[in-house]
Amino acid sequence: MCLQVLLLLCAIFIIGCDVDYQTRYLLPVNMAVGKVMRLEPGCFYLPALFSPENEYPLIVLLHGLNQTEENFLYSNSFREQADKRGYILCAVRSEQNFWNEEITSPDIENIKHMIMAMRAHFPVRQDKICIVGFSAGSHFTHTMLLFNRIPLCRGKLFTAFIAGSGGSGFLMDQYREHNFIAEDLRIPGYIFWGEREVPHPGEEMAEFLRAHDWDITVYAHPGHHSIDKHLVELAFDWLDKTIP
């Protein structure tokens, strides 16, 4: 009997992690597919052929310095790729014009809350949630690797990451200095940069994670500090191959 009660309490506890977000983060009343919609602390996009009867991968976009979540989501064919591949997109806004990398950062909590809210409201594939960051957003993607746990629940917030032209970030640098990162945080990643960027941002991060047995794919394109439709398509090709 005690075991049955314990299992029941665990089930309620785990479900509650998502149910709470349905009331804390309300969807817009004029919600529509194929359009960018607001959901604080950011925005989201449902693919044109979205149906609540199906499950969809979730892509979490982290913008660069002095960008907004909306102009990053509107750029680089993200919506086109979402329609083509059946992705749900969400983009999170940094509290300031840069990502706060302190342990108590509200940006860390906002990203966690956005992921949990999207999971609570939509049929998200929990095995295919990918954070995508470019430049300063890539720095913060690496930071988020250290916080990839569902609050008060077992499991990970996201299951893959894509980081473009960004270094390791302040917090991750401390882990690199001590040559340590927890094994249970390990997920596949795709890191890219431009050959004309000197030094290559993300190269040291890729080497560090590979040294700790992370499955990391790297791609050095021939350009500068940039992201475009082609680079996004290559990254999402990797994602669909890694997690079909």
C-alpha atoms as a PDB file:
ATOM      1  CA  MET A   1       0.000   0.000   0.000  1.00  0.00           C
ATOM      2  CA  CYS A   2       2.803   2.395   0.898  1.00  0.00           C
ATOM      3  CA  LEU A   3       4.482   1.729  -2.444  1.00  0.00           C
ATOM      4  CA  GLN A   4       1.226   2.387  -4.316  1.00  0.00           C
ATOM      5  CA  VAL A   5       0.742   5.696  -2.490  1.00  0.00           C
ATOM      6  CA  LEU A   6       4.331   6.671  -3.231  1.00  0.00           C
ATOM      7  CA  LEU A   7       3.932   5.890  -6.929  1.00  0.00           C
ATOM      8  CA  LEU A   8       0.700   7.878  -7.049  1.00  0.00           C
ATOM      9  CA  LEU A   9       2.313  10.879  -5.390  1.00  0.00           C
ATOM     10  CA  CYS A  10       5.242  10.662  -7.799  1.00  0.00           C
ATOM     11  CA  ALA A  11       2.878  10.577 -10.773  1.00  0.00           C
ATOM     12  CA  ILE A  12       0.976  13.626  -9.507  1.00  0.00           C
ATOM     13  CA  PHE A  13       4.243  15.394  -8.800  1.00  0.00           C
ATOM     14  CA  ILE A  14       5.651  14.748 -12.269  1.00  0.00           C
ATOM     15  CA  ILE A  15       2.443  15.686 -14.072  1.00  0.00           C
ATOM     16  CA  GLY A  16       2.202  18.828 -11.987  1.00  0.00           C
ATOM     17  CA  CYS A  17       5.456  20.086 -13.468  1.00  0.00           C
ATOM     18  CA  ASP A  18       3.623  20.657 -16.746  1.00  0.00           C
ATOM     19  CA  VAL A  19       0.052  21.332 -15.564  1.00  0.00           C
ATOM     20  CA  ASP A  20       1.106  24.358 -13.502  1.00  0.00           C
ATOM     21  CA  TYR A  21       2.394  26.100 -16.625  1.00  0.00           C
ATOM     22  CA  GLN A  22      -0.990  25.982 -18.324  1.00  0.00           C
ATOM     23  CA  THR A  23      -2.308  28.511 -15.831  1.00  0.00           C
ATOM     24  CA  ARG A  24       0.863  30.507 -15.254  1.00  0.00           C
ATOM     25  CA  TYR A  25       1.476  31.119 -18.970  1.00  0.00           C
ATOM     26  CA  LEU A  26      -1.748  31.755 -20.841  1.00  0.00           C
ATOM     27  CA  LEU A  27      -1.982  31.414 -24.628  1.00  0.00           C
ATOM     28  CA  PRO A  28      -3.209  34.387 -26.698  1.00  0.00           C
ATOM     29  CA  VAL A  29      -6.953  34.352 -27.347  1.00  0.00           C
ATOM     30  CA  ASN A  30      -6.409  34.907 -31.092  1.00  0.00           C
ATOM     31  CA  MET A  31      -4.022  31.976 -31.463  1.00  0.00           C
ATOM     32  CA  ALA A  32      -3.412  30.750 -35.028  1.00  0.00           C
ATOM     33  CA  VAL A  33      -1.080  28.381 -36.859  1.00  0.00           C
ATOM     34  CA  GLY A  34       1.468  29.707 -39.331  1.00  0.00           C
ATOM     35  CA  LYS A  35       1.808  32.996 -37.434  1.00  0.00           C
ATOM     36  CA  VAL A  36       4.208  34.282 -34.788  1.00  0.00           C
ATOM     37  CA  MET A  37       2.323  34.614 -31.499  1.00  0.00           C
ATOM     38  CA  ARG A  38       3.292  36.134 -28.147  1.00  0.00           C
ATOM     39  CA  LEU A  39       3.832  34.023 -25.040  1.00  0.00           C
ATOM     40  CA  GLU A  40       5.874  35.750 -22.371  1.00  0.00           C
ATOM     41  CA  PRO A  41       8.815  35.700 -21.977  1.00  0.00           C
ATOM     42  CA  GLY A  42       8.996  35.407 -25.770  1.00  0.00           C
ATOM     43  CA  CYS A  43       7.028  34.219 -28.769  1.00  0.00           C
ATOM     44  CA  PHE A  44       6.225  30.997 -30.628  1.00  0.00           C
ATOM     45  CA  TYR A  45       5.285  29.667 -34.042  1.00  0.00           C
ATOM     46  CA  LEU A  46       3.171  26.630 -34.887  1.00  0.00           C
ATOM     47  CA  PRO A  47       3.840  25.079 -38.314  1.00  0.00           C
ATOM     48  CA  ALA A  48       1.227  25.680 -40.998  1.00  0.00           C
ATOM     49  CA  LEU A  49      -0.002  22.073 -40.921  1.00  0.00           C
ATOM     50  CA  PHE A  50      -0.082  21.855 -37.119  1.00  0.00           C
ATOM     51  CA  SER A  51      -2.597  19.415 -35.638  1.00  0.00           C
ATOM     52  CA  PRO A  52      -3.082  18.816 -31.895  1.00  0.00           C
ATOM     53  CA  GLU A  53      -3.387  15.095 -32.657  1.00  0.00           C
ATOM     54  CA  ASN A  54       0.305  14.857 -33.611  1.00  0.00           C
ATOM     55  CA  GLU A  55       3.518  15.380 -31.652  1.00  0.00           C
ATOM     56  CA  TYR A  56       6.144  17.868 -32.834  1.00  0.00           C
ATOM     57  CA  PRO A  57       9.815  18.588 -32.109  1.00  0.00           C
ATOM     58  CA  LEU A  58      10.395  21.862 -30.286  1.00  0.00           C
ATOM     59  CA  ILE A  59      13.107  24.319 -31.345  1.00  0.00           C
ATOM     60  CA  VAL A  60      14.096  26.934 -28.747  1.00  0.00           C
ATOM     61  CA  LEU A  61      15.782  29.985 -30.317  1.00  0.00           C
ATOM     62  CA  LEU A  62      18.230  32.229 -28.439  1.00  0.00           C
ATOM     63  CA  HIS A  63      18.984  35.516 -30.191  1.00  0.00           C
ATOM     64  CA  GLY A  64      22.281  37.364 -30.537  1.00  0.00           C
ATOM     65  CA  LEU A  65      23.476  40.586 -28.904  1.00  0.00           C
ATOM     66  CA  ASN A  66      21.144  43.575 -29.372  1.00  0.00           C
ATOM     67  CA  GLN A  67      18.612  41.406 -31.216  1.00  0.00           C
ATOM     68  CA  THR A  68      15.069  40.621 -30.142  1.00  0.00           C
ATOM     69  CA  GLU A  69      13.462  37.225 -29.979  1.00  0.00           C
ATOM     70  CA  GLU A  70      11.027  38.175 -32.744  1.00  0.00           C
ATOM     71  CA  ASN A  71      13.535  39.390 -35.325  1.00  0.00           C
ATOM     72  CA  PHE A  72      15.643  36.280 -34.720  1.00  0.00           C
ATOM     73  CA  LEU A  73      12.626  34.016 -35.209  1.00  0.00           C
ATOM     74  CA  TYR A  74      11.636  35.891 -38.377  1.00  0.00           C
ATOM     75  CA  SER A  75      15.162  35.565 -39.824  1.00  0.00           C
ATOM     76  CA  ASN A  76      17.180  32.790 -41.441  1.00  0.00           C
ATOM     77  CA  SER A  77      14.192  30.796 -42.769  1.00  0.00           C
ATOM     78  CA  PHE A  78      13.343  29.363 -39.336  1.00  0.00           C
ATOM     79  CA  ARG A  79       9.597  29.499 -40.078  1.00  0.00           C
ATOM     80  CA  GLU A  80      10.124  27.983 -43.534  1.00  0.00           C
ATOM     81  CA  GLN A  81      12.073  25.118 -41.989  1.00  0.00           C
ATOM     82  CA  ALA A  82       9.404  24.686 -39.310  1.00  0.00           C
ATOM     83  CA  ASP A  83       6.696  24.321 -41.968  1.00  0.00           C
ATOM     84  CA  LYS A  84       8.848  21.940 -44.001  1.00  0.00           C
ATOM     85  CA  ARG A  85       9.987  19.700 -41.140  1.00  0.00           C
ATOM     86  CA  GLY A  86       7.042  20.005 -38.752  1.00  0.00           C
ATOM     87  CA  TYR A  87       8.790  21.898 -35.968  1.00  0.00           C
ATOM     88  CA  ILE A  88       7.239  24.057 -33.268  1.00  0.00           C
ATOM     89  CA  LEU A  89       9.397  27.134 -32.706  1.00  0.00           C
ATOM     90  CA  CYS A  90       9.728  29.326 -29.664  1.00  0.00           C
ATOM     91  CA  ALA A  91      12.101  32.238 -29.087  1.00  0.00           C
ATOM     92  CA  VAL A  92      13.009  33.607 -25.668  1.00  0.00           C
ATOM     93  CA  ARG A  93      13.807  37.240 -24.893  1.00  0.00           C
ATOM     94  CA  SER A  94      16.830  38.154 -22.760  1.00  0.00           C
ATOM     95  CA  GLU A  95      15.995  40.483 -19.867  1.00  0.00           C
ATOM     96  CA  GLN A  96      18.560  43.001 -21.107  1.00  0.00           C
ATOM     97  CA  ASN A  97      20.251  43.458 -24.488  1.00  0.00           C
ATOM     98  CA  PHE A  98      22.628  40.661 -23.492  1.00  0.00           C
ATOM     99  CA  TRP A  99      22.233  37.253 -21.823  1.00  0.00           C
ATOM    100  CA  ASN A 100      22.907  37.271 -18.082  1.00  0.00           C
ATOM    101  CA  GLU A 101      25.255  34.379 -17.268  1.00  0.00           C
ATOM    102  CA  GLU A 102      25.115  34.601 -13.473  1.00  0.00           C
ATOM    103  CA  ILE A 103      23.857  31.542 -11.610  1.00  0.00           C
ATOM    104  CA  THR A 104      20.828  33.513 -10.420  1.00  0.00           C
ATOM    105  CA  SER A 105      20.155  34.837 -13.938  1.00  0.00           C
ATOM    106  CA  PRO A 106      16.483  35.488 -14.762  1.00  0.00           C
ATOM    107  CA  ASP A 107      17.331  34.473 -18.340  1.00  0.00           C
ATOM    108  CA  ILE A 108      18.065  30.914 -17.230  1.00  0.00           C
ATOM    109  CA  GLU A 109      14.710  30.716 -15.470  1.00  0.00           C
ATOM    110  CA  ASN A 110      12.881  32.316 -18.403  1.00  0.00           C
ATOM    111  CA  ILE A 111      14.220  29.699 -20.817  1.00  0.00           C
ATOM    112  CA  LYS A 112      13.241  26.900 -18.445  1.00  0.00           C
ATOM    113  CA  HIS A 113       9.762  28.364 -18.028  1.00  0.00           C
ATOM    114  CA  MET A 114       9.294  28.845 -21.773  1.00  0.00           C
ATOM    115  CA  ILE A 115      10.189  25.221 -22.504  1.00  0.00           C
ATOM    116  CA  MET A 116       7.889  23.944 -19.771  1.00  0.00           C
ATOM    117  CA  ALA A 117       5.052  26.220 -20.930  1.00  0.00           C
ATOM    118  CA  MET A 118       5.382  24.989 -24.523  1.00  0.00           C
ATOM    119  CA  ARG A 119       5.351  21.395 -23.284  1.00  0.00           C
ATOM    120  CA  ALA A 120       2.271  22.070 -21.207  1.00  0.00           C
ATOM    121  CA  HIS A 121       0.265  23.759 -23.976  1.00  0.00           C
ATOM    122  CA  PHE A 122       1.279  21.792 -27.072  1.00  0.00           C
ATOM    123  CA  PRO A 123       1.993  18.162 -28.099  1.00  0.00           C
ATOM    124  CA  VAL A 124       5.778  18.446 -27.910  1.00  0.00           C
ATOM    125  CA  ARG A 125       8.021  15.449 -28.549  1.00  0.00           C
ATOM    126  CA  GLN A 126       9.902  15.286 -25.266  1.00  0.00           C
ATOM    127  CA  ASP A 127      12.710  13.326 -26.918  1.00  0.00           C
ATOM    128  CA  LYS A 128      13.345  16.072 -29.498  1.00  0.00           C
ATOM    129  CA  ILE A 129      13.702  19.493 -27.888  1.00  0.00           C
ATOM    130  CA  CYS A 130      16.643  21.448 -29.270  1.00  0.00           C
ATOM    131  CA  ILE A 131      18.116  24.802 -28.193  1.00  0.00           C
ATOM    132  CA  VAL A 132      19.528  26.850 -31.100  1.00  0.00           C
ATOM    133  CA  GLY A 133      21.695  29.887 -30.397  1.00  0.00           C
ATOM    134  CA  PHE A 134      23.842  32.154 -32.525  1.00  0.00           C
ATOM    135  CA  SER A 135      26.637  34.498 -31.408  1.00  0.00           C
ATOM    136  CA  ALA A 136      25.721  35.693 -27.886  1.00  0.00           C
ATOM    137  CA  GLY A 137      22.825  33.231 -28.026  1.00  0.00           C
ATOM    138  CA  SER A 138      25.372  30.503 -28.699  1.00  0.00           C
ATOM    139  CA  HIS A 139      27.344  31.533 -25.602  1.00  0.00           C
ATOM    140  CA  PHE A 140      24.161  31.198 -23.599  1.00  0.00           C
ATOM    141  CA  THR A 141      23.282  27.889 -25.242  1.00  0.00           C
ATOM    142  CA  HIS A 142      26.523  26.549 -23.788  1.00  0.00           C
ATOM    143  CA  THR A 143      25.581  28.030 -20.409  1.00  0.00           C
ATOM    144  CA  MET A 144      22.199  26.305 -20.527  1.00  0.00           C
ATOM    145  CA  LEU A 145      23.951  22.936 -20.856  1.00  0.00           C
ATOM    146  CA  LEU A 146      24.790  23.314 -17.166  1.00  0.00           C
ATOM    147  CA  PHE A 147      21.120  23.769 -16.235  1.00  0.00           C
ATOM    148  CA  ASN A 148      19.571  21.089 -18.419  1.00  0.00           C
ATOM    149  CA  ARG A 149      17.305  19.536 -15.844  1.00  0.00           C
ATOM    150  CA  ILE A 150      13.539  19.796 -15.438  1.00  0.00           C
ATOM    151  CA  PRO A 151      12.798  21.708 -12.222  1.00  0.00           C
ATOM    152  CA  LEU A 152      11.722  19.298  -9.457  1.00  0.00           C
ATOM    153  CA  CYS A 153      11.317  16.464 -11.967  1.00  0.00           C
ATOM    154  CA  ARG A 154      13.489  13.805 -13.509  1.00  0.00           C
ATOM    155  CA  GLY A 155      14.699  14.245 -17.051  1.00  0.00           C
ATOM    156  CA  LYS A 156      16.164  16.943 -19.242  1.00  0.00           C
ATOM    157  CA  LEU A 157      14.707  20.232 -20.451  1.00  0.00           C
ATOM    158  CA  PHE A 158      16.170  19.706 -23.914  1.00  0.00           C
ATOM    159  CA  THR A 159      17.742  16.771 -25.725  1.00  0.00           C
ATOM    160  CA  ALA A 160      20.056  18.412 -28.284  1.00  0.00           C
ATOM    161  CA  PHE A 161      21.698  21.754 -28.984  1.00  0.00           C
ATOM    162  CA  ILE A 162      22.939  23.781 -31.958  1.00  0.00           C
ATOM    163  CA  ALA A 163      25.434  26.582 -31.304  1.00  0.00           C
ATOM    164  CA  GLY A 164      26.800  28.915 -33.961  1.00  0.00           C
ATOM    165  CA  SER A 165      29.800  31.250 -33.666  1.00  0.00           C
ATOM    166  CA  GLY A 166      29.811  31.519 -29.892  1.00  0.00           C
ATOM    167  CA  GLY A 167      32.332  30.729 -27.176  1.00  0.00           C
ATOM    168  CA  SER A 168      31.806  28.813 -23.971  1.00  0.00           C
ATOM    169  CA  GLY A 169      30.564  31.664 -21.795  1.00  0.00           C
ATOM    170  CA  PHE A 170      31.559  32.750 -18.280  1.00  0.00           C
ATOM    171  CA  LEU A 171      30.025  29.883 -16.289  1.00  0.00           C
ATOM    172  CA  MET A 172      31.107  27.159 -18.701  1.00  0.00           C
ATOM    173  CA  ASP A 173      34.650  28.568 -18.685  1.00  0.00           C
ATOM    174  CA  GLN A 174      34.856  27.742 -14.978  1.00  0.00           C
ATOM    175  CA  TYR A 175      33.917  24.124 -15.716  1.00  0.00           C
ATOM    176  CA  ARG A 176      36.451  24.001 -18.523  1.00  0.00           C
ATOM    177  CA  GLU A 177      39.158  25.300 -16.172  1.00  0.00           C
ATOM    178  CA  HIS A 178      38.416  22.411 -13.802  1.00  0.00           C
ATOM    179  CA  ASN A 179      37.967  19.986 -16.712  1.00  0.00           C
ATOM    180  CA  PHE A 180      34.633  18.775 -15.379  1.00  0.00           C
ATOM    181  CA  ILE A 181      31.003  18.507 -16.484  1.00  0.00           C
ATOM    182  CA  ALA A 182      28.390  16.152 -15.027  1.00  0.00           C
ATOM    183  CA  GLU A 183      27.847  12.976 -17.037  1.00  0.00           C
ATOM    184  CA  ASP A 184      24.061  13.118 -16.758  1.00  0.00           C
ATOM    185  CA  LEU A 185      24.027  16.403 -18.719  1.00  0.00           C
ATOM    186  CA  ARG A 186      25.429  14.759 -21.842  1.00  0.00           C
ATOM    187  CA  ILE A 187      23.399  15.330 -25.049  1.00  0.00           C
ATOM    188  CA  PRO A 188      24.314  15.499 -28.754  1.00  0.00           C
ATOM    189  CA  GLY A 189      25.359  18.861 -30.139  1.00  0.00           C
ATOM    190  CA  TYR A 190      26.162  20.650 -33.392  1.00  0.00           C
ATOM    191  CA  ILE A 191      28.677  23.509 -33.244  1.00  0.00           C
ATOM    192  CA  PHE A 192      29.561  25.678 -36.235  1.00  0.00           C
ATOM    193  CA  TRP A 193      31.650  28.749 -36.944  1.00  0.00           C
ATOM    194  CA  GLY A 194      33.198  30.651 -39.863  1.00  0.00           C
ATOM    195  CA  GLU A 195      36.721  29.861 -41.011  1.00  0.00           C
ATOM    196  CA  ARG A 196      37.373  33.603 -41.254  1.00  0.00           C
ATOM    197  CA  GLU A 197      36.542  34.095 -37.589  1.00  0.00           C
ATOM    198  CA  VAL A 198      39.766  34.222 -35.563  1.00  0.00           C
ATOM    199  CA  PRO A 199      39.881  32.553 -33.142  1.00  0.00           C
ATOM    200  CA  HIS A 200      37.195  30.063 -34.125  1.00  0.00           C
ATOM    201  CA  PRO A 201      34.339  30.646 -31.632  1.00  0.00           C
ATOM    202  CA  GLY A 202      33.064  27.329 -30.320  1.00  0.00           C
ATOM    203  CA  GLU A 203      36.110  25.266 -31.280  1.00  0.00           C
ATOM    204  CA  GLU A 204      37.455  25.034 -27.722  1.00  0.00           C
ATOM    205  CA  MET A 205      33.954  24.220 -26.472  1.00  0.00           C
ATOM    206  CA  ALA A 206      33.652  21.374 -28.972  1.00  0.00           C
ATOM    207  CA  GLU A 207      37.022  19.983 -27.899  1.00  0.00           C
ATOM    208  CA  PHE A 208      36.077  20.181 -24.209  1.00  0.00           C
ATOM    209  CA  LEU A 209      32.761  18.365 -24.659  1.00  0.00           C
ATOM    210  CA  ARG A 210      34.287  15.720 -26.935  1.00  0.00           C
ATOM    211  CA  ALA A 211      36.945  15.064 -24.292  1.00  0.00           C
ATOM    212  CA  HIS A 212      34.064  14.216 -21.933  1.00  0.00           C
ATOM    213  CA  ASP A 213      32.489  11.789 -24.425  1.00  0.00           C
ATOM    214  CA  TRP A 214      29.789  14.093 -25.771  1.00  0.00           C
ATOM    215  CA  ASP A 215      28.602  13.378 -29.309  1.00  0.00           C
ATOM    216  CA  ILE A 216      29.562  16.672 -30.958  1.00  0.00           C
ATOM    217  CA  THR A 217      29.443  17.423 -34.690  1.00  0.00           C
ATOM    218  CA  VAL A 218      31.368  20.471 -35.894  1.00  0.00           C
ATOM    219  CA  TYR A 219      31.101  22.400 -39.135  1.00  0.00           C
ATOM    220  CA  ALA A 220      33.413  25.213 -40.239  1.00  0.00           C
ATOM    221  CA  HIS A 221      31.852  27.156 -43.087  1.00  0.00           C
ATOM    222  CA  PRO A 222      34.003  29.364 -45.361  1.00  0.00           C
ATOM    223  CA  GLY A 223      32.466  32.658 -44.227  1.00  0.00           C
ATOM    224  CA  HIS A 224      32.652  35.193 -41.407  1.00  0.00           C
ATOM    225  CA  HIS A 225      30.529  35.596 -38.264  1.00  0.00           C
ATOM    226  CA  SER A 226      27.178  34.792 -39.857  1.00  0.00           C
ATOM    227  CA  ILE A 227      24.125  32.578 -39.962  1.00  0.00           C
ATOM    228  CA  ASP A 228      21.949  32.146 -43.030  1.00  0.00           C
ATOM    229  CA  LYS A 229      19.333  29.900 -44.600  1.00  0.00           C
ATOM    230  CA  HIS A 230      21.897  27.350 -45.772  1.00  0.00           C
ATOM    231  CA  LEU A 231      23.569  27.032 -42.358  1.00  0.00           C
ATOM    232  CA  VAL A 232      20.200  26.646 -40.647  1.00  0.00           C
ATOM    233  CA  GLU A 233      19.216  23.915 -43.103  1.00  0.00           C
ATOM    234  CA  LEU A 234      22.488  22.030 -42.521  1.00  0.00           C
ATOM    235  CA  ALA A 235      22.018  22.231 -38.761  1.00  0.00           C
ATOM    236  CA  PHE A 236      18.444  20.963 -38.923  1.00  0.00           C
ATOM    237  CA  ASP A 237      19.531  18.172 -41.294  1.00  0.00           C
ATOM    238  CA  TRP A 238      21.929  17.115 -38.535  1.00  0.00           C
ATOM    239  CA  LEU A 239      19.153  17.273 -35.934  1.00  0.00           C
ATOM    240  CA  ASP A 240      16.749  15.148 -37.975  1.00  0.00           C
ATOM    241  CA  LYS A 241      19.481  12.587 -38.632  1.00  0.00           C
ATOM    242  CA  THR A 242      20.595  12.470 -34.989  1.00  0.00           C
ATOM    243  CA  ILE A 243      17.058  12.294 -33.555  1.00  0.00           C
ATOM    244  CA  PRO A 244      14.766  11.075 -36.397  1.00  0.00           C
END
